[in-house]
Amino acid sequence: MTKAAAGTRKRRAYAARVPLDVRRQQLLDAALRLISRDGYAGLTVEAIAKEAGVTKPVVYGAYAKLPELLAELLERTQKEAVAQLLAAFPPDASAANEHLARDVTRAWTTTVREHPDTWAPILLTGAHTPEVVLQRIEQSRRVVRDSIAAMFPRKEGSPAGARDLLAAEALVAVAHHFGRRLLLEPESVDDDELARLIEDLVRGALGRS
């Protein structure tokens, strides 16, 4: 092959070189878009590479394995999600009021609607969700459960009882169900009606009319 012919050969397009931390954020953002759009079923290295506009070797250059990428993605999104949720709670039990459950629920539904990309990796789980993701989500669920149980009235200084924890866990399960609805069918959920329902569930769980 002549030099002229070699010079006219079409060169392969390469992803621009960027700092590793920037590349990782690009890949995390690409994975987040995929999860928000399609759930975890189609989340592969190849799909992330295509979404980010790079090649698979570029992805592997930033993350040796897909679980590493997912662990960092969950670290980022769960911190944001838990912070958003706990911000709806009063700073101490004395600040609670009789409509606490309703107010917290209303604040949470607003947060999910305004930040769907933060909540998608947590709420849109299913049969294809990697185990590393499920483990991290369960850790955060326990934090939220304990925070809810701590808001239930009890004697000063006494820890949450078994009933408190069960009630809180049931509320987390209800929130997970309707959180998915907020992401997948946002028009199907009336935020005010859901807030009143949660308030009624809390009163029932605590044995109050």
C-alpha atoms as a PDB file:
ATOM      1  CA  MET A   1       0.000   0.000   0.000  1.00  0.00           C
ATOM      2  CA  THR A   2       1.394   3.410  -0.959  1.00  0.00           C
ATOM      3  CA  LYS A   3       1.858   6.213   1.538  1.00  0.00           C
ATOM      4  CA  ALA A   4      -0.767   8.208  -0.311  1.00  0.00           C
ATOM      5  CA  ALA A   5      -3.253   5.364  -0.007  1.00  0.00           C
ATOM      6  CA  ALA A   6      -2.451   4.911   3.657  1.00  0.00           C
ATOM      7  CA  GLY A   7      -2.913   8.619   4.254  1.00  0.00           C
ATOM      8  CA  THR A   8      -6.374   8.576   2.725  1.00  0.00           C
ATOM      9  CA  ARG A   9      -7.525   5.600   4.803  1.00  0.00           C
ATOM     10  CA  LYS A  10     -10.402   6.622   7.044  1.00  0.00           C
ATOM     11  CA  ARG A  11      -9.218   6.922  10.590  1.00  0.00           C
ATOM     12  CA  ARG A  12     -11.174   5.426  13.464  1.00  0.00           C
ATOM     13  CA  ALA A  13     -12.935   7.958  15.657  1.00  0.00           C
ATOM     14  CA  TYR A  14     -11.745   7.956  19.252  1.00  0.00           C
ATOM     15  CA  ALA A  15     -13.357   9.457  22.314  1.00  0.00           C
ATOM     16  CA  ALA A  16     -11.693  12.669  23.318  1.00  0.00           C
ATOM     17  CA  ARG A  17      -9.269  12.315  26.206  1.00  0.00           C
ATOM     18  CA  VAL A  18     -10.706  13.761  29.386  1.00  0.00           C
ATOM     19  CA  PRO A  19      -9.673  13.519  33.054  1.00  0.00           C
ATOM     20  CA  LEU A  20     -10.714  10.253  34.667  1.00  0.00           C
ATOM     21  CA  ASP A  21     -13.063  11.868  37.181  1.00  0.00           C
ATOM     22  CA  VAL A  22     -14.853  13.714  34.376  1.00  0.00           C
ATOM     23  CA  ARG A  23     -15.136  10.539  32.312  1.00  0.00           C
ATOM     24  CA  ARG A  24     -16.585   8.673  35.280  1.00  0.00           C
ATOM     25  CA  GLN A  25     -19.243  11.323  35.786  1.00  0.00           C
ATOM     26  CA  GLN A  26     -20.145  11.103  32.094  1.00  0.00           C
ATOM     27  CA  LEU A  27     -20.535   7.341  32.357  1.00  0.00           C
ATOM     28  CA  LEU A  28     -22.570   7.587  35.570  1.00  0.00           C
ATOM     29  CA  ASP A  29     -24.861  10.112  33.916  1.00  0.00           C
ATOM     30  CA  ALA A  30     -25.254   7.806  30.910  1.00  0.00           C
ATOM     31  CA  ALA A  31     -26.113   4.842  33.165  1.00  0.00           C
ATOM     32  CA  LEU A  32     -28.614   6.980  35.054  1.00  0.00           C
ATOM     33  CA  ARG A  33     -30.359   7.979  31.828  1.00  0.00           C
ATOM     34  CA  LEU A  34     -30.616   4.325  30.800  1.00  0.00           C
ATOM     35  CA  ILE A  35     -32.094   3.280  34.152  1.00  0.00           C
ATOM     36  CA  SER A  36     -34.584   6.148  34.109  1.00  0.00           C
ATOM     37  CA  ARG A  37     -35.648   5.227  30.596  1.00  0.00           C
ATOM     38  CA  ASP A  38     -35.506   1.417  30.563  1.00  0.00           C
ATOM     39  CA  GLY A  39     -34.894   0.190  34.119  1.00  0.00           C
ATOM     40  CA  TYR A  40     -32.039  -2.213  34.830  1.00  0.00           C
ATOM     41  CA  ALA A  41     -32.944  -4.833  32.203  1.00  0.00           C
ATOM     42  CA  GLY A  42     -30.802  -3.384  29.414  1.00  0.00           C
ATOM     43  CA  LEU A  43     -28.039  -1.908  31.544  1.00  0.00           C
ATOM     44  CA  THR A  44     -24.814  -3.301  30.082  1.00  0.00           C
ATOM     45  CA  VAL A  45     -21.347  -1.924  29.478  1.00  0.00           C
ATOM     46  CA  GLU A  46     -22.137  -1.815  25.774  1.00  0.00           C
ATOM     47  CA  ALA A  47     -25.358   0.128  26.369  1.00  0.00           C
ATOM     48  CA  ILE A  48     -23.598   2.605  28.666  1.00  0.00           C
ATOM     49  CA  ALA A  49     -20.813   3.103  26.128  1.00  0.00           C
ATOM     50  CA  LYS A  50     -23.323   3.776  23.358  1.00  0.00           C
ATOM     51  CA  GLU A  51     -25.323   6.181  25.515  1.00  0.00           C
ATOM     52  CA  ALA A  52     -22.160   8.076  26.477  1.00  0.00           C
ATOM     53  CA  GLY A  53     -20.846   8.125  22.894  1.00  0.00           C
ATOM     54  CA  VAL A  54     -17.664   6.175  23.674  1.00  0.00           C
ATOM     55  CA  THR A  55     -16.302   2.682  23.118  1.00  0.00           C
ATOM     56  CA  LYS A  56     -16.436  -0.220  25.577  1.00  0.00           C
ATOM     57  CA  PRO A  57     -12.672   0.010  26.287  1.00  0.00           C
ATOM     58  CA  VAL A  58     -13.241   3.592  27.454  1.00  0.00           C
ATOM     59  CA  VAL A  59     -15.834   2.351  29.961  1.00  0.00           C
ATOM     60  CA  TYR A  60     -13.502  -0.403  31.173  1.00  0.00           C
ATOM     61  CA  GLY A  61     -10.738   2.157  31.490  1.00  0.00           C
ATOM     62  CA  ALA A  62     -12.871   4.008  34.052  1.00  0.00           C
ATOM     63  CA  TYR A  63     -14.535   1.020  35.739  1.00  0.00           C
ATOM     64  CA  ALA A  64     -13.058  -2.475  35.631  1.00  0.00           C
ATOM     65  CA  LYS A  65     -16.491  -4.078  36.097  1.00  0.00           C
ATOM     66  CA  LEU A  66     -20.102  -2.997  35.790  1.00  0.00           C
ATOM     67  CA  PRO A  67     -20.811  -3.588  39.522  1.00  0.00           C
ATOM     68  CA  GLU A  68     -18.131  -0.987  40.349  1.00  0.00           C
ATOM     69  CA  LEU A  69     -19.908   1.580  38.204  1.00  0.00           C
ATOM     70  CA  LEU A  70     -23.265   0.717  39.753  1.00  0.00           C
ATOM     71  CA  ALA A  71     -21.910   0.911  43.302  1.00  0.00           C
ATOM     72  CA  GLU A  72     -20.622   4.429  42.668  1.00  0.00           C
ATOM     73  CA  LEU A  73     -23.859   5.434  40.961  1.00  0.00           C
ATOM     74  CA  LEU A  74     -25.896   4.229  43.957  1.00  0.00           C
ATOM     75  CA  GLU A  75     -23.527   5.989  46.332  1.00  0.00           C
ATOM     76  CA  ARG A  76     -24.207   9.246  44.520  1.00  0.00           C
ATOM     77  CA  THR A  77     -27.957   8.934  44.022  1.00  0.00           C
ATOM     78  CA  GLN A  78     -28.771   7.426  47.407  1.00  0.00           C
ATOM     79  CA  LYS A  79     -27.016  10.205  49.279  1.00  0.00           C
ATOM     80  CA  GLU A  80     -29.140  12.684  47.352  1.00  0.00           C
ATOM     81  CA  ALA A  81     -32.352  10.703  47.803  1.00  0.00           C
ATOM     82  CA  VAL A  82     -31.946  10.081  51.544  1.00  0.00           C
ATOM     83  CA  ALA A  83     -30.986  13.724  52.105  1.00  0.00           C
ATOM     84  CA  GLN A  84     -34.070  14.881  50.195  1.00  0.00           C
ATOM     85  CA  LEU A  85     -36.326  12.547  52.144  1.00  0.00           C
ATOM     86  CA  LEU A  86     -34.921  13.225  55.604  1.00  0.00           C
ATOM     87  CA  ALA A  87     -35.120  16.969  54.933  1.00  0.00           C
ATOM     88  CA  ALA A  88     -38.896  16.560  55.075  1.00  0.00           C
ATOM     89  CA  PHE A  89     -38.745  15.366  58.688  1.00  0.00           C
ATOM     90  CA  PRO A  90     -38.609  17.812  61.604  1.00  0.00           C
ATOM     91  CA  PRO A  91     -35.179  18.056  63.254  1.00  0.00           C
ATOM     92  CA  ASP A  92     -36.512  16.597  66.494  1.00  0.00           C
ATOM     93  CA  ALA A  93     -39.604  14.861  67.762  1.00  0.00           C
ATOM     94  CA  SER A  94     -40.834  17.973  69.578  1.00  0.00           C
ATOM     95  CA  ALA A  95     -41.278  19.673  66.214  1.00  0.00           C
ATOM     96  CA  ALA A  96     -43.702  16.971  65.046  1.00  0.00           C
ATOM     97  CA  ASN A  97     -47.379  17.785  64.623  1.00  0.00           C
ATOM     98  CA  GLU A  98     -50.546  15.780  64.137  1.00  0.00           C
ATOM     99  CA  HIS A  99     -50.241  16.094  60.354  1.00  0.00           C
ATOM    100  CA  LEU A 100     -46.592  15.065  60.195  1.00  0.00           C
ATOM    101  CA  ALA A 101     -47.237  11.969  58.058  1.00  0.00           C
ATOM    102  CA  ARG A 102     -49.292  13.954  55.563  1.00  0.00           C
ATOM    103  CA  ASP A 103     -46.737  16.766  55.367  1.00  0.00           C
ATOM    104  CA  VAL A 104     -43.780  14.418  54.943  1.00  0.00           C
ATOM    105  CA  THR A 105     -45.577  12.423  52.249  1.00  0.00           C
ATOM    106  CA  ARG A 106     -46.509  15.559  50.341  1.00  0.00           C
ATOM    107  CA  ALA A 107     -42.934  16.839  50.509  1.00  0.00           C
ATOM    108  CA  TRP A 108     -41.629  13.469  49.304  1.00  0.00           C
ATOM    109  CA  THR A 109     -43.958  13.186  46.305  1.00  0.00           C
ATOM    110  CA  THR A 110     -42.918  16.677  45.259  1.00  0.00           C
ATOM    111  CA  THR A 111     -39.272  15.659  45.528  1.00  0.00           C
ATOM    112  CA  VAL A 112     -39.757  12.526  43.405  1.00  0.00           C
ATOM    113  CA  ARG A 113     -41.550  14.512  40.725  1.00  0.00           C
ATOM    114  CA  GLU A 114     -38.861  17.186  40.675  1.00  0.00           C
ATOM    115  CA  HIS A 115     -35.883  14.797  40.800  1.00  0.00           C
ATOM    116  CA  PRO A 116     -36.893  11.624  38.917  1.00  0.00           C
ATOM    117  CA  ASP A 117     -33.308  10.768  37.936  1.00  0.00           C
ATOM    118  CA  THR A 118     -32.312  10.660  41.596  1.00  0.00           C
ATOM    119  CA  TRP A 119     -35.079   8.220  42.489  1.00  0.00           C
ATOM    120  CA  ALA A 120     -35.147   6.005  39.389  1.00  0.00           C
ATOM    121  CA  PRO A 121     -32.182   3.779  40.413  1.00  0.00           C
ATOM    122  CA  ILE A 122     -33.823   3.210  43.808  1.00  0.00           C
ATOM    123  CA  LEU A 123     -37.457   2.738  42.814  1.00  0.00           C
ATOM    124  CA  LEU A 124     -37.269   1.099  39.396  1.00  0.00           C
ATOM    125  CA  THR A 125     -35.828  -2.194  40.591  1.00  0.00           C
ATOM    126  CA  GLY A 126     -36.931  -5.567  39.261  1.00  0.00           C
ATOM    127  CA  ALA A 127     -35.823  -9.069  38.315  1.00  0.00           C
ATOM    128  CA  HIS A 128     -32.805  -7.746  36.416  1.00  0.00           C
ATOM    129  CA  THR A 129     -31.505  -5.508  39.186  1.00  0.00           C
ATOM    130  CA  PRO A 130     -27.931  -6.500  40.177  1.00  0.00           C
ATOM    131  CA  GLU A 131     -27.436  -7.792  43.710  1.00  0.00           C
ATOM    132  CA  VAL A 132     -24.992  -4.998  44.565  1.00  0.00           C
ATOM    133  CA  VAL A 133     -27.757  -2.481  43.849  1.00  0.00           C
ATOM    134  CA  LEU A 134     -30.350  -4.338  45.916  1.00  0.00           C
ATOM    135  CA  GLN A 135     -27.981  -4.513  48.887  1.00  0.00           C
ATOM    136  CA  ARG A 136     -27.291  -0.785  48.813  1.00  0.00           C
ATOM    137  CA  ILE A 137     -30.982   0.026  48.495  1.00  0.00           C
ATOM    138  CA  GLU A 138     -31.813  -2.187  51.470  1.00  0.00           C
ATOM    139  CA  GLN A 139     -29.263  -0.310  53.583  1.00  0.00           C
ATOM    140  CA  SER A 140     -30.957   2.989  52.775  1.00  0.00           C
ATOM    141  CA  ARG A 141     -34.413   1.525  53.385  1.00  0.00           C
ATOM    142  CA  ARG A 142     -33.336   0.648  56.939  1.00  0.00           C
ATOM    143  CA  VAL A 143     -32.130   4.217  57.521  1.00  0.00           C
ATOM    144  CA  VAL A 144     -35.459   5.609  56.340  1.00  0.00           C
ATOM    145  CA  ARG A 145     -37.431   3.003  58.311  1.00  0.00           C
ATOM    146  CA  ASP A 146     -35.619   3.896  61.533  1.00  0.00           C
ATOM    147  CA  SER A 147     -36.160   7.617  60.898  1.00  0.00           C
ATOM    148  CA  ILE A 148     -39.885   7.068  60.450  1.00  0.00           C
ATOM    149  CA  ALA A 149     -40.134   4.874  63.547  1.00  0.00           C
ATOM    150  CA  ALA A 150     -38.343   7.546  65.566  1.00  0.00           C
ATOM    151  CA  MET A 151     -41.148  10.001  64.751  1.00  0.00           C
ATOM    152  CA  PHE A 152     -43.831   7.823  66.364  1.00  0.00           C
ATOM    153  CA  PRO A 153     -44.823   9.068  69.828  1.00  0.00           C
ATOM    154  CA  ARG A 154     -43.462   7.115  72.797  1.00  0.00           C
ATOM    155  CA  LYS A 155     -42.182   7.716  76.291  1.00  0.00           C
ATOM    156  CA  GLU A 156     -39.227  10.067  76.320  1.00  0.00           C
ATOM    157  CA  GLY A 157     -35.941   8.206  75.961  1.00  0.00           C
ATOM    158  CA  SER A 158     -37.488   4.847  75.051  1.00  0.00           C
ATOM    159  CA  PRO A 159     -36.407   3.165  71.793  1.00  0.00           C
ATOM    160  CA  ALA A 160     -38.713   2.284  68.925  1.00  0.00           C
ATOM    161  CA  GLY A 161     -40.640  -0.897  69.650  1.00  0.00           C
ATOM    162  CA  ALA A 162     -41.308  -3.860  67.376  1.00  0.00           C
ATOM    163  CA  ARG A 163     -44.688  -2.444  66.320  1.00  0.00           C
ATOM    164  CA  ASP A 164     -43.124   0.921  65.486  1.00  0.00           C
ATOM    165  CA  LEU A 165     -40.524  -0.730  63.268  1.00  0.00           C
ATOM    166  CA  LEU A 166     -43.109  -2.924  61.530  1.00  0.00           C
ATOM    167  CA  ALA A 167     -45.360   0.062  60.913  1.00  0.00           C
ATOM    168  CA  ALA A 168     -42.447   2.080  59.569  1.00  0.00           C
ATOM    169  CA  GLU A 169     -41.402  -0.778  57.287  1.00  0.00           C
ATOM    170  CA  ALA A 170     -44.941  -1.063  55.948  1.00  0.00           C
ATOM    171  CA  LEU A 171     -44.952   2.655  55.184  1.00  0.00           C
ATOM    172  CA  VAL A 172     -41.631   2.313  53.325  1.00  0.00           C
ATOM    173  CA  ALA A 173     -43.161  -0.473  51.220  1.00  0.00           C
ATOM    174  CA  VAL A 174     -46.185   1.680  50.410  1.00  0.00           C
ATOM    175  CA  ALA A 175     -43.908   4.569  49.510  1.00  0.00           C
ATOM    176  CA  HIS A 176     -41.867   2.327  47.209  1.00  0.00           C
ATOM    177  CA  HIS A 177     -45.010   1.213  45.369  1.00  0.00           C
ATOM    178  CA  PHE A 178     -46.344   4.706  44.840  1.00  0.00           C
ATOM    179  CA  GLY A 179     -42.871   6.045  44.118  1.00  0.00           C
ATOM    180  CA  ARG A 180     -42.696   3.714  41.121  1.00  0.00           C
ATOM    181  CA  ARG A 181     -46.099   4.978  40.035  1.00  0.00           C
ATOM    182  CA  LEU A 182     -44.887   8.566  40.309  1.00  0.00           C
ATOM    183  CA  LEU A 183     -42.016   7.739  37.942  1.00  0.00           C
ATOM    184  CA  LEU A 184     -43.829   5.469  35.491  1.00  0.00           C
ATOM    185  CA  GLU A 185     -47.353   6.935  35.541  1.00  0.00           C
ATOM    186  CA  PRO A 186     -47.057  10.338  37.233  1.00  0.00           C
ATOM    187  CA  GLU A 187     -50.559  11.397  36.198  1.00  0.00           C
ATOM    188  CA  SER A 188     -52.085   8.384  37.983  1.00  0.00           C
ATOM    189  CA  VAL A 189     -51.132   9.593  41.478  1.00  0.00           C
ATOM    190  CA  ASP A 190     -52.968  12.361  43.308  1.00  0.00           C
ATOM    191  CA  ASP A 191     -50.354  13.660  45.736  1.00  0.00           C
ATOM    192  CA  ASP A 192     -52.852  15.140  48.183  1.00  0.00           C
ATOM    193  CA  GLU A 193     -54.971  11.977  48.310  1.00  0.00           C
ATOM    194  CA  LEU A 194     -51.860   9.851  48.819  1.00  0.00           C
ATOM    195  CA  ALA A 195     -50.726  12.126  51.646  1.00  0.00           C
ATOM    196  CA  ARG A 196     -54.098  11.767  53.371  1.00  0.00           C
ATOM    197  CA  LEU A 197     -53.998   7.989  52.885  1.00  0.00           C
ATOM    198  CA  ILE A 198     -50.564   7.747  54.518  1.00  0.00           C
ATOM    199  CA  GLU A 199     -51.783   9.893  57.391  1.00  0.00           C
ATOM    200  CA  ASP A 200     -54.720   7.499  57.915  1.00  0.00           C
ATOM    201  CA  LEU A 201     -52.376   4.469  57.753  1.00  0.00           C
ATOM    202  CA  VAL A 202     -50.099   5.978  60.388  1.00  0.00           C
ATOM    203  CA  ARG A 203     -53.026   6.707  62.697  1.00  0.00           C
ATOM    204  CA  GLY A 204     -54.277   3.154  62.245  1.00  0.00           C
ATOM    205  CA  ALA A 205     -50.856   1.670  62.907  1.00  0.00           C
ATOM    206  CA  LEU A 206     -50.563   3.682  66.099  1.00  0.00           C
ATOM    207  CA  GLY A 207     -54.049   2.706  67.223  1.00  0.00           C
ATOM    208  CA  ARG A 208     -55.402   6.220  67.009  1.00  0.00           C
ATOM    209  CA  SER A 209     -58.709   7.257  65.442  1.00  0.00           C
END
